[in-house]
N, C-alpha and C. Protein backbone atom coordinates (compact mmCIF):
# COMPACT_ATOMS: atom_id res chain seq x y z
N UNK A 1 66.57 106.01 105.17
CA UNK A 1 65.38 106.47 105.93
C UNK A 1 64.85 107.78 105.67
N UNK A 2 63.85 108.08 105.43
CA UNK A 2 63.18 109.48 105.23
C UNK A 2 62.34 109.89 106.38
N UNK A 3 62.53 111.18 106.74
CA UNK A 3 61.76 111.69 107.53
C UNK A 3 60.36 112.06 107.15
N UNK A 4 59.93 111.86 106.02
CA UNK A 4 58.55 111.87 105.37
C UNK A 4 57.70 111.30 106.47
N UNK A 5 56.54 112.05 106.72
CA UNK A 5 55.45 111.50 107.85
C UNK A 5 54.87 110.25 107.39
N UNK A 6 54.76 109.81 106.24
CA UNK A 6 54.11 108.88 105.57
C UNK A 6 54.92 107.60 105.35
N UNK A 7 56.25 107.76 105.62
CA UNK A 7 57.21 106.85 105.34
C UNK A 7 57.02 105.45 106.07
N UNK A 8 56.41 105.41 107.02
CA UNK A 8 56.35 104.20 107.83
C UNK A 8 57.50 104.03 108.77
N UNK A 9 58.67 105.00 108.59
CA UNK A 9 59.82 104.84 109.69
C UNK A 9 59.52 105.95 110.49
N UNK A 10 59.06 107.17 109.86
CA UNK A 10 59.03 108.43 110.85
C UNK A 10 57.48 108.82 110.88
N UNK A 11 57.30 109.94 111.67
CA UNK A 11 56.16 110.41 111.54
C UNK A 11 54.92 109.58 112.22
N UNK A 12 54.04 109.44 111.50
CA UNK A 12 52.58 108.64 111.77
C UNK A 12 53.18 107.28 111.89
N UNK A 13 53.91 106.80 111.25
CA UNK A 13 54.38 105.32 111.26
C UNK A 13 55.35 104.84 112.57
N UNK A 14 55.85 106.18 112.89
CA UNK A 14 56.76 106.10 114.16
C UNK A 14 55.68 106.26 115.47
N UNK A 15 54.54 106.48 115.53
CA UNK A 15 53.91 106.92 116.67
C UNK A 15 53.95 105.59 117.63
N UNK A 16 54.05 104.46 117.07
CA UNK A 16 53.92 103.21 117.85
C UNK A 16 55.36 102.85 118.43
N UNK A 17 56.20 103.46 118.11
CA UNK A 17 57.75 103.17 118.53
C UNK A 17 57.91 103.68 120.12
N UNK A 18 58.68 103.09 120.61
CA UNK A 18 58.87 103.74 121.92
C UNK A 18 59.72 104.94 122.05
N UNK A 19 59.41 105.96 123.12
CA UNK A 19 60.24 107.23 123.18
C UNK A 19 61.32 106.58 123.45
N UNK A 20 62.50 107.64 123.16
CA UNK A 20 64.13 107.40 123.38
C UNK A 20 64.02 107.80 124.96
N UNK A 21 65.48 107.43 125.55
CA UNK A 21 65.51 107.48 127.03
C UNK A 21 65.61 109.06 126.99
N UNK A 22 65.25 109.79 128.47
CA UNK A 22 65.51 110.93 128.80
C UNK A 22 66.85 111.76 128.40
N UNK A 23 67.94 110.73 128.52
CA UNK A 23 69.01 111.37 128.10
C UNK A 23 69.32 111.61 126.66
N UNK A 24 68.85 110.60 125.79
CA UNK A 24 68.88 110.91 124.61
C UNK A 24 67.92 112.09 124.23
N UNK A 25 66.74 112.16 124.80
CA UNK A 25 65.84 113.08 124.74
C UNK A 25 66.39 114.56 124.70
N UNK A 26 67.00 114.61 125.70
CA UNK A 26 67.56 115.81 126.27
C UNK A 26 68.87 116.30 125.33
N UNK A 27 69.69 115.26 124.84
CA UNK A 27 70.51 115.50 123.85
C UNK A 27 70.11 115.95 122.60
N UNK A 28 68.94 115.40 122.08
CA UNK A 28 68.25 115.65 120.75
C UNK A 28 67.84 117.22 120.94
N UNK A 29 67.02 117.50 122.04
CA UNK A 29 66.46 118.76 122.33
C UNK A 29 67.40 119.75 122.26
N UNK A 30 68.71 119.64 122.94
CA UNK A 30 69.77 120.77 122.83
C UNK A 30 70.15 120.79 121.50
N UNK A 31 70.48 119.68 120.71
CA UNK A 31 70.99 119.73 119.37
C UNK A 31 69.92 120.67 118.38
N UNK A 32 68.53 120.49 118.63
CA UNK A 32 67.67 121.44 117.81
C UNK A 32 67.78 122.79 118.30
N UNK A 33 68.01 123.00 119.56
CA UNK A 33 68.23 124.17 120.14
C UNK A 33 69.20 124.94 119.51
N UNK A 34 70.57 124.22 119.59
CA UNK A 34 71.67 124.73 118.85
C UNK A 34 71.47 124.87 117.32
N UNK A 35 70.83 124.30 116.83
CA UNK A 35 70.55 124.35 115.17
C UNK A 35 69.67 125.70 114.98
N UNK A 36 68.62 125.74 115.91
CA UNK A 36 68.05 127.04 115.63
C UNK A 36 68.57 128.40 115.98
N UNK A 37 69.66 128.17 116.89
CA UNK A 37 70.47 129.55 117.43
C UNK A 37 71.27 129.64 115.99
N UNK A 38 71.84 128.86 115.39
CA UNK A 38 72.54 128.97 114.18
C UNK A 38 72.20 129.46 113.20
N UNK A 39 70.81 129.11 112.89
CA UNK A 39 69.80 129.64 111.80
C UNK A 39 69.53 131.07 112.18
N UNK A 40 68.87 131.61 113.29
CA UNK A 40 68.64 132.91 113.98
C UNK A 40 69.73 133.86 113.89
N UNK A 41 71.00 133.25 114.05
CA UNK A 41 72.25 134.20 113.94
C UNK A 41 72.91 134.05 112.57
N UNK A 42 72.21 133.51 111.59
CA UNK A 42 72.82 133.74 110.17
C UNK A 42 74.13 133.01 110.05
N UNK A 43 74.15 132.08 111.12
CA UNK A 43 75.48 131.10 110.76
C UNK A 43 75.40 129.78 110.06
N UNK A 44 74.95 129.94 108.74
CA UNK A 44 74.42 128.90 108.10
C UNK A 44 75.63 128.04 107.46
N UNK A 45 76.70 128.36 107.22
CA UNK A 45 77.85 127.43 107.09
C UNK A 45 78.03 126.66 108.32
N UNK A 46 77.95 127.24 109.62
CA UNK A 46 78.09 126.27 110.79
C UNK A 46 77.00 125.21 110.72
N UNK A 47 75.73 125.92 110.43
CA UNK A 47 74.45 124.97 110.33
C UNK A 47 74.87 123.65 109.24
N UNK A 48 75.32 124.04 108.29
CA UNK A 48 75.43 122.99 107.37
C UNK A 48 76.38 121.88 107.97
N UNK A 49 77.39 122.21 108.75
CA UNK A 49 78.29 121.46 109.39
C UNK A 49 77.39 120.33 110.24
N UNK A 50 76.46 120.54 110.55
CA UNK A 50 75.30 119.80 111.45
C UNK A 50 74.44 118.70 110.77
N UNK A 51 74.64 118.81 109.26
CA UNK A 51 73.73 117.84 108.55
C UNK A 51 74.43 117.24 107.67
N UNK A 52 74.10 115.84 107.32
CA UNK A 52 74.74 114.83 106.47
C UNK A 52 74.84 115.26 105.15
N UNK A 53 75.72 115.07 104.59
CA UNK A 53 76.16 115.33 103.05
C UNK A 53 74.68 114.86 102.27
N UNK A 54 73.93 113.72 102.49
CA UNK A 54 72.86 113.29 101.69
C UNK A 54 71.57 114.06 102.54
N UNK A 55 71.69 115.21 103.26
CA UNK A 55 70.49 115.86 103.90
C UNK A 55 69.62 116.09 102.80
N UNK A 56 68.15 115.90 103.18
CA UNK A 56 67.07 116.42 102.31
C UNK A 56 66.06 117.11 103.28
N UNK A 57 65.76 118.33 102.59
CA UNK A 57 64.99 119.38 103.23
C UNK A 57 63.53 119.50 102.49
N UNK A 58 62.18 119.09 102.98
CA UNK A 58 61.22 118.96 102.07
C UNK A 58 60.11 119.82 102.92
N UNK A 59 59.44 120.65 102.28
CA UNK A 59 57.90 121.50 102.65
C UNK A 59 57.14 121.34 101.66
N UNK A 60 56.19 120.34 101.90
CA UNK A 60 54.97 120.32 100.91
C UNK A 60 54.01 121.43 100.83
N UNK A 61 53.43 121.61 99.87
CA UNK A 61 52.09 122.72 99.57
C UNK A 61 51.36 122.24 100.72
N UNK A 62 50.84 123.19 101.56
CA UNK A 62 49.84 123.05 102.44
C UNK A 62 48.43 122.95 101.69
N UNK A 63 47.30 122.49 102.13
CA UNK A 63 46.25 122.38 101.56
C UNK A 63 44.93 122.07 102.55
N UNK A 64 43.75 122.51 102.16
CA UNK A 64 42.83 122.20 103.21
C UNK A 64 41.93 121.09 102.58
N UNK A 65 41.86 119.94 103.04
CA UNK A 65 41.50 118.72 102.64
C UNK A 65 39.81 118.63 102.62
N UNK A 66 39.07 118.07 101.98
CA UNK A 66 37.55 117.87 102.16
C UNK A 66 37.28 116.95 103.68
N UNK A 67 38.16 116.23 103.91
CA UNK A 67 37.95 115.32 105.01
C UNK A 67 39.11 115.61 106.15
N UNK A 68 38.71 115.38 107.21
CA UNK A 68 39.85 115.44 108.33
C UNK A 68 40.79 114.31 108.27
N UNK A 69 40.42 113.22 107.57
CA UNK A 69 41.30 112.01 107.46
C UNK A 69 42.44 112.24 106.66
N UNK A 70 42.34 113.22 105.55
CA UNK A 70 43.47 113.27 104.69
C UNK A 70 44.50 114.19 104.95
N UNK A 71 45.96 113.88 104.47
CA UNK A 71 46.80 114.88 104.97
C UNK A 71 46.45 116.51 104.62
N UNK A 72 47.02 117.14 105.40
CA UNK A 72 46.55 118.78 105.20
C UNK A 72 47.66 119.35 104.36
N UNK A 73 48.15 118.57 103.33
CA UNK A 73 49.30 119.07 102.48
C UNK A 73 49.42 118.10 101.32
N UNK A 74 49.86 118.50 100.23
CA UNK A 74 49.90 117.91 98.70
C UNK A 74 51.20 116.87 98.89
N UNK A 75 51.06 115.68 98.75
CA UNK A 75 52.14 114.63 98.95
C UNK A 75 53.04 114.79 97.45
N UNK A 76 52.45 115.41 96.49
CA UNK A 76 53.30 115.27 95.17
C UNK A 76 53.76 116.64 94.74
N UNK A 77 53.41 117.68 95.53
CA UNK A 77 54.00 119.22 95.05
C UNK A 77 54.83 119.88 96.37
N UNK A 78 55.99 120.12 96.28
CA UNK A 78 56.87 120.70 97.37
C UNK A 78 56.96 122.38 97.14
N UNK A 79 56.81 122.90 98.24
CA UNK A 79 57.13 124.39 98.34
C UNK A 79 58.66 124.65 98.32
N UNK A 80 59.12 123.70 99.07
CA UNK A 80 60.66 123.68 99.31
C UNK A 80 61.15 122.23 99.08
N UNK A 81 62.10 121.83 98.17
CA UNK A 81 62.68 120.62 98.05
C UNK A 81 64.16 120.60 97.73
N UNK A 82 64.68 120.56 98.79
CA UNK A 82 66.13 120.96 98.66
C UNK A 82 67.05 119.91 99.16
N UNK A 83 68.55 119.74 99.10
CA UNK A 83 69.66 118.98 99.44
C UNK A 83 70.74 119.94 100.25
N UNK A 84 71.41 119.33 100.68
CA UNK A 84 72.61 119.95 101.59
C UNK A 84 73.43 120.63 100.57
N UNK A 85 73.59 120.08 99.39
CA UNK A 85 74.22 120.77 98.36
C UNK A 85 73.55 121.96 97.84
N UNK A 86 72.39 121.76 97.66
CA UNK A 86 71.55 123.16 97.12
C UNK A 86 71.32 124.14 98.13
N UNK A 87 71.33 123.89 99.41
CA UNK A 87 71.30 125.09 100.30
C UNK A 87 72.46 125.65 100.34
N UNK A 88 73.72 124.84 100.38
CA UNK A 88 74.96 125.66 100.56
C UNK A 88 75.43 126.41 99.45
N UNK A 89 75.07 125.71 98.05
CA UNK A 89 75.52 126.36 96.74
C UNK A 89 74.52 127.49 96.26
N UNK A 90 73.30 127.51 96.61
CA UNK A 90 72.37 128.36 96.29
C UNK A 90 71.92 129.39 97.14
N UNK A 91 71.40 128.77 98.18
CA UNK A 91 70.71 129.34 99.30
C UNK A 91 71.55 130.38 100.08
N UNK A 92 72.81 129.61 100.37
CA UNK A 92 73.76 130.38 101.49
C UNK A 92 74.65 131.48 100.73
N UNK A 93 74.98 130.80 99.38
CA UNK A 93 75.81 131.65 98.52
C UNK A 93 75.30 132.89 98.36
N UNK A 94 74.16 133.42 98.40
CA UNK A 94 73.44 134.64 98.14
C UNK A 94 74.07 135.57 99.30
N UNK A 95 74.24 134.88 100.32
CA UNK A 95 74.71 135.90 101.57
C UNK A 95 76.10 136.18 101.56
N UNK A 96 77.06 135.72 100.62
CA UNK A 96 78.34 135.85 100.67
C UNK A 96 78.64 137.50 100.37
N UNK A 97 79.62 137.99 100.84
CA UNK A 97 79.92 139.58 100.57
C UNK A 97 79.82 140.02 99.39
N UNK A 98 80.25 139.33 98.21
CA UNK A 98 80.36 139.59 96.98
C UNK A 98 79.04 139.55 96.12
N UNK A 99 77.84 138.98 96.89
CA UNK A 99 76.42 138.77 96.42
C UNK A 99 75.64 139.59 97.20
N UNK A 100 75.86 139.78 98.23
CA UNK A 100 74.87 140.28 99.25
C UNK A 100 74.05 141.34 98.89
N UNK A 101 74.86 142.54 98.30
CA UNK A 101 74.43 143.84 97.61
C UNK A 101 73.13 143.69 96.79
N UNK A 102 73.28 142.57 95.76
CA UNK A 102 72.21 142.19 95.00
C UNK A 102 71.20 141.45 95.32
N UNK A 103 71.24 140.67 96.66
CA UNK A 103 70.10 139.95 97.05
C UNK A 103 69.22 140.71 97.50
N UNK A 104 68.29 141.00 96.88
CA UNK A 104 67.18 141.97 97.21
C UNK A 104 66.33 141.46 98.50
N UNK A 105 66.05 140.05 98.09
CA UNK A 105 65.37 139.58 99.43
C UNK A 105 65.96 139.36 100.55
N UNK A 106 66.98 139.78 100.72
CA UNK A 106 67.98 139.75 102.03
C UNK A 106 68.46 141.05 102.66
N UNK A 107 68.08 142.02 101.57
CA UNK A 107 68.57 143.67 101.93
C UNK A 107 67.16 144.63 101.94
N UNK A 108 66.87 145.08 102.97
CA UNK A 108 67.36 144.88 104.49
C UNK A 108 66.93 143.43 104.92
N UNK A 109 67.93 142.83 105.70
CA UNK A 109 67.62 141.63 106.28
C UNK A 109 66.46 141.27 107.09
N UNK A 110 65.79 140.33 107.00
CA UNK A 110 64.69 139.77 107.78
C UNK A 110 65.54 139.09 109.11
N UNK A 111 64.95 139.63 110.15
CA UNK A 111 65.25 138.78 111.48
C UNK A 111 64.35 137.72 111.74
N UNK A 112 65.08 136.67 112.15
CA UNK A 112 64.36 135.47 112.26
C UNK A 112 64.36 134.87 113.67
N UNK A 113 63.39 134.26 114.19
CA UNK A 113 63.32 133.52 115.56
C UNK A 113 62.63 132.28 115.41
N UNK A 114 63.44 131.40 115.56
CA UNK A 114 62.89 129.86 115.70
C UNK A 114 62.24 129.49 117.06
N UNK A 115 61.20 129.23 117.11
CA UNK A 115 60.68 128.71 118.51
C UNK A 115 60.26 127.09 118.25
N UNK A 116 61.22 126.11 118.91
CA UNK A 116 61.01 124.86 118.65
C UNK A 116 60.53 123.98 120.10
N UNK A 117 59.11 123.58 120.03
CA UNK A 117 58.49 123.15 121.00
C UNK A 117 57.93 121.77 120.80
N UNK A 118 57.52 121.08 121.80
CA UNK A 118 56.96 119.62 121.91
C UNK A 118 57.87 118.75 121.14
N UNK A 119 58.92 118.71 121.64
CA UNK A 119 60.00 117.64 120.97
C UNK A 119 59.61 116.32 121.38
N UNK A 120 59.54 115.50 120.36
CA UNK A 120 59.23 114.10 120.86
C UNK A 120 60.34 113.10 119.97
N UNK A 121 61.09 112.36 120.65
CA UNK A 121 62.07 111.76 120.15
C UNK A 121 61.63 110.08 120.25
N UNK A 122 61.81 109.51 119.01
CA UNK A 122 61.51 108.04 119.40
C UNK A 122 62.58 107.20 118.74
N UNK A 123 62.47 106.00 119.14
CA UNK A 123 63.93 105.04 118.69
C UNK A 123 63.46 104.49 117.39
N UNK A 124 64.17 103.91 116.68
CA UNK A 124 63.96 103.07 115.38
C UNK A 124 64.64 101.91 115.51
N UNK A 125 64.72 100.98 114.50
CA UNK A 125 65.43 99.67 114.48
C UNK A 125 66.86 99.94 114.62
N UNK A 126 67.29 101.06 114.21
CA UNK A 126 68.83 101.31 114.26
C UNK A 126 69.18 102.35 115.64
N UNK A 127 69.83 101.76 116.54
CA UNK A 127 70.01 102.46 117.77
C UNK A 127 70.75 103.89 117.64
N UNK A 128 71.43 104.23 116.48
CA UNK A 128 72.09 105.26 116.16
C UNK A 128 71.17 106.53 115.31
N UNK A 129 69.92 106.20 114.99
CA UNK A 129 69.14 106.83 114.50
C UNK A 129 67.57 107.17 115.19
N UNK A 130 67.52 108.45 115.21
CA UNK A 130 65.99 108.77 116.07
C UNK A 130 64.97 109.32 114.81
N UNK A 131 64.02 109.03 115.30
CA UNK A 131 62.80 109.85 114.56
C UNK A 131 62.38 110.92 115.47
N UNK A 132 62.28 112.36 115.06
CA UNK A 132 62.02 113.32 115.91
C UNK A 132 60.94 114.22 115.22
N UNK A 133 59.93 114.34 116.14
CA UNK A 133 58.71 115.33 115.72
C UNK A 133 58.85 116.44 116.63
N UNK A 134 58.43 117.72 116.30
CA UNK A 134 58.61 118.76 117.21
C UNK A 134 57.55 119.88 116.48
N UNK A 135 57.20 120.85 116.94
CA UNK A 135 56.54 121.94 116.52
C UNK A 135 57.24 123.07 116.44
N UNK A 136 57.38 123.96 115.41
CA UNK A 136 58.10 125.15 115.24
C UNK A 136 57.35 126.45 114.94
N UNK A 137 57.71 127.28 115.40
CA UNK A 137 57.00 128.66 114.94
C UNK A 137 58.30 129.58 114.45
N UNK A 138 58.38 130.09 113.41
CA UNK A 138 59.16 130.99 112.83
C UNK A 138 58.54 132.38 112.77
N UNK A 139 59.46 133.30 113.29
CA UNK A 139 58.96 134.79 113.36
C UNK A 139 59.79 135.41 112.40
N UNK A 140 59.44 136.16 111.60
CA UNK A 140 60.26 136.94 110.55
C UNK A 140 59.84 138.41 110.76
N UNK A 141 61.06 139.50 110.98
CA UNK A 141 60.71 140.93 110.96
C UNK A 141 61.64 141.42 110.24
N UNK A 142 61.08 142.37 109.16
CA UNK A 142 61.92 143.23 108.24
C UNK A 142 61.72 144.60 108.85
N UNK A 143 62.69 145.35 108.95
CA UNK A 143 62.78 146.73 109.28
C UNK A 143 61.75 147.00 110.58
N UNK A 144 60.69 148.01 110.37
CA UNK A 144 59.79 148.17 111.37
C UNK A 144 58.47 147.70 111.17
N UNK A 145 58.53 146.73 110.19
CA UNK A 145 57.04 145.89 109.95
C UNK A 145 56.52 144.97 111.14
N UNK A 146 55.24 144.86 111.02
CA UNK A 146 54.72 143.85 112.18
C UNK A 146 55.40 142.59 111.86
N UNK A 147 55.59 141.80 112.74
CA UNK A 147 56.28 140.46 112.66
C UNK A 147 55.28 139.29 112.00
N UNK A 148 55.82 138.59 110.94
CA UNK A 148 55.08 137.64 110.21
C UNK A 148 55.44 136.48 111.15
N UNK A 149 54.09 135.52 110.95
CA UNK A 149 54.53 134.04 111.68
C UNK A 149 54.16 132.71 110.65
N UNK A 150 55.30 131.81 110.99
CA UNK A 150 54.86 130.64 110.27
C UNK A 150 54.86 129.54 111.12
N UNK A 151 53.76 128.52 111.28
CA UNK A 151 54.03 127.62 112.29
C UNK A 151 53.94 126.28 111.41
N UNK A 152 54.54 125.26 111.80
CA UNK A 152 54.69 124.02 111.39
C UNK A 152 55.07 122.82 112.36
N UNK A 153 54.78 121.70 111.71
CA UNK A 153 55.21 120.46 112.42
C UNK A 153 56.53 119.84 111.82
N UNK A 154 57.44 119.74 112.35
CA UNK A 154 58.43 118.96 111.76
C UNK A 154 58.77 117.60 111.85
N UNK A 155 59.17 116.79 111.04
CA UNK A 155 59.54 115.22 111.04
C UNK A 155 61.07 115.37 110.64
N UNK A 156 61.86 115.08 111.88
CA UNK A 156 63.37 115.19 111.39
C UNK A 156 63.79 113.65 111.64
N UNK A 157 64.68 113.27 110.86
CA UNK A 157 65.71 111.96 111.05
C UNK A 157 66.90 112.52 111.85
N UNK A 158 67.26 112.19 112.85
CA UNK A 158 68.45 112.60 113.47
C UNK A 158 69.31 111.34 113.84
N UNK A 159 70.66 111.33 113.38
CA UNK A 159 71.69 110.25 113.52
C UNK A 159 72.99 110.70 114.47
N UNK A 160 73.28 109.58 115.00
CA UNK A 160 74.53 109.92 115.94
C UNK A 160 75.59 109.31 115.21
N UNK A 161 76.62 110.06 115.02
CA UNK A 161 77.92 109.86 114.25
C UNK A 161 78.86 110.04 115.21
N UNK A 162 80.07 109.75 114.71
CA UNK A 162 81.46 109.86 115.41
C UNK A 162 81.61 111.25 115.79
N UNK A 163 81.13 112.16 115.12
CA UNK A 163 81.30 113.76 115.24
C UNK A 163 80.03 114.31 116.40
N UNK A 164 79.08 113.66 116.64
CA UNK A 164 78.02 113.95 117.51
C UNK A 164 76.69 113.69 116.59
N UNK A 165 75.50 114.49 117.00
CA UNK A 165 74.38 114.44 116.44
C UNK A 165 74.41 115.09 114.97
N UNK A 166 73.61 114.50 114.01
CA UNK A 166 73.52 115.04 112.58
C UNK A 166 72.02 115.03 112.19
N UNK A 167 71.97 115.93 111.42
CA UNK A 167 70.29 115.96 110.84
C UNK A 167 70.62 115.19 109.46
N UNK A 168 69.64 114.04 109.20
CA UNK A 168 69.98 113.56 108.04
C UNK A 168 68.71 113.79 107.00
N UNK A 169 67.43 114.33 107.79
CA UNK A 169 66.29 114.67 106.77
C UNK A 169 65.40 115.60 107.40
N UNK A 170 64.68 116.46 106.83
CA UNK A 170 63.75 117.20 107.43
C UNK A 170 62.49 117.39 106.40
N UNK A 171 61.20 117.01 106.93
CA UNK A 171 60.02 117.25 106.41
C UNK A 171 59.12 118.06 107.34
N UNK A 172 58.83 119.18 106.81
CA UNK A 172 58.03 120.18 107.55
C UNK A 172 56.75 120.57 106.92
N UNK A 173 55.67 120.31 107.75
CA UNK A 173 54.40 120.57 107.28
C UNK A 173 53.74 121.88 107.78
N UNK A 174 53.51 122.90 106.99
CA UNK A 174 52.99 124.20 107.23
C UNK A 174 51.61 123.94 107.83
N UNK A 175 51.00 124.62 108.61
CA UNK A 175 49.86 124.98 109.22
C UNK A 175 49.09 125.80 108.36
N UNK A 176 49.72 126.79 107.76
CA UNK A 176 48.79 127.82 107.14
C UNK A 176 48.67 127.54 105.64
N UNK A 177 47.84 127.65 104.98
CA UNK A 177 47.49 127.59 103.47
C UNK A 177 47.89 128.86 102.99
N UNK A 178 47.42 130.03 103.30
CA UNK A 178 47.96 131.18 102.49
C UNK A 178 49.15 131.79 103.53
N UNK A 179 50.23 131.59 102.89
CA UNK A 179 51.49 132.12 103.43
C UNK A 179 51.81 133.63 103.31
N UNK A 180 51.89 134.47 104.32
CA UNK A 180 52.23 135.64 104.35
C UNK A 180 53.46 135.81 105.31
N UNK A 181 54.53 135.85 104.28
CA UNK A 181 55.81 135.81 104.98
C UNK A 181 56.75 136.77 103.99
N UNK A 182 57.95 137.25 104.69
CA UNK A 182 58.75 138.14 104.02
C UNK A 182 59.48 137.46 102.87
N UNK A 183 59.75 136.16 103.09
CA UNK A 183 60.34 135.19 102.07
C UNK A 183 60.14 133.84 102.21
N UNK A 184 60.44 133.05 101.32
CA UNK A 184 60.26 131.75 101.49
C UNK A 184 61.65 130.72 101.63
N UNK A 185 62.87 131.30 101.05
CA UNK A 185 63.95 130.71 101.62
C UNK A 185 64.37 130.64 103.04
N UNK A 186 63.59 129.77 103.62
CA UNK A 186 63.73 129.69 105.05
C UNK A 186 63.90 128.29 105.34
N UNK A 187 64.76 128.14 106.64
CA UNK A 187 64.88 126.79 107.16
C UNK A 187 64.05 126.82 108.39
N UNK A 188 63.03 125.98 108.58
CA UNK A 188 62.04 125.85 109.43
C UNK A 188 62.68 124.78 110.63
């Protein structure tokens, strides 16, 4: 199952499915808050424990279509197209002490703050899998520069496992076409 909004299992196709119970919604909402906390405090290896091995993370290129009925993103081109493996071996590796001094995009570090709102949790055909839509604003500040903002709608597939909730897939659709942000190696 994919978190892509046009897949028929998530996003727009999921809008007809019933909402999950309030208990499940609360559990997923706390899971997303915990995930945001780990990202904001740069605890990426702990964050990686919250995602499945086959996790995918995609952010399509935003665009302004000629019609309001077309997607506001390019379905064929991705700004970010990553897996759990690529995030751990390439993105997070650059923050290890032996590489950090050469990671110019990270030094001085950008301070991030994730604001996750409007969480909607829907049931799927599998009682252990949930389609989750949310809105997210990411604030980035480097040194004494003015804050930069990114907003997006997220489409997540969250699964219940023996170890607790896990993220299976994330598809984030940016609202801005022109992106003014300190860096794009970000987890929305």
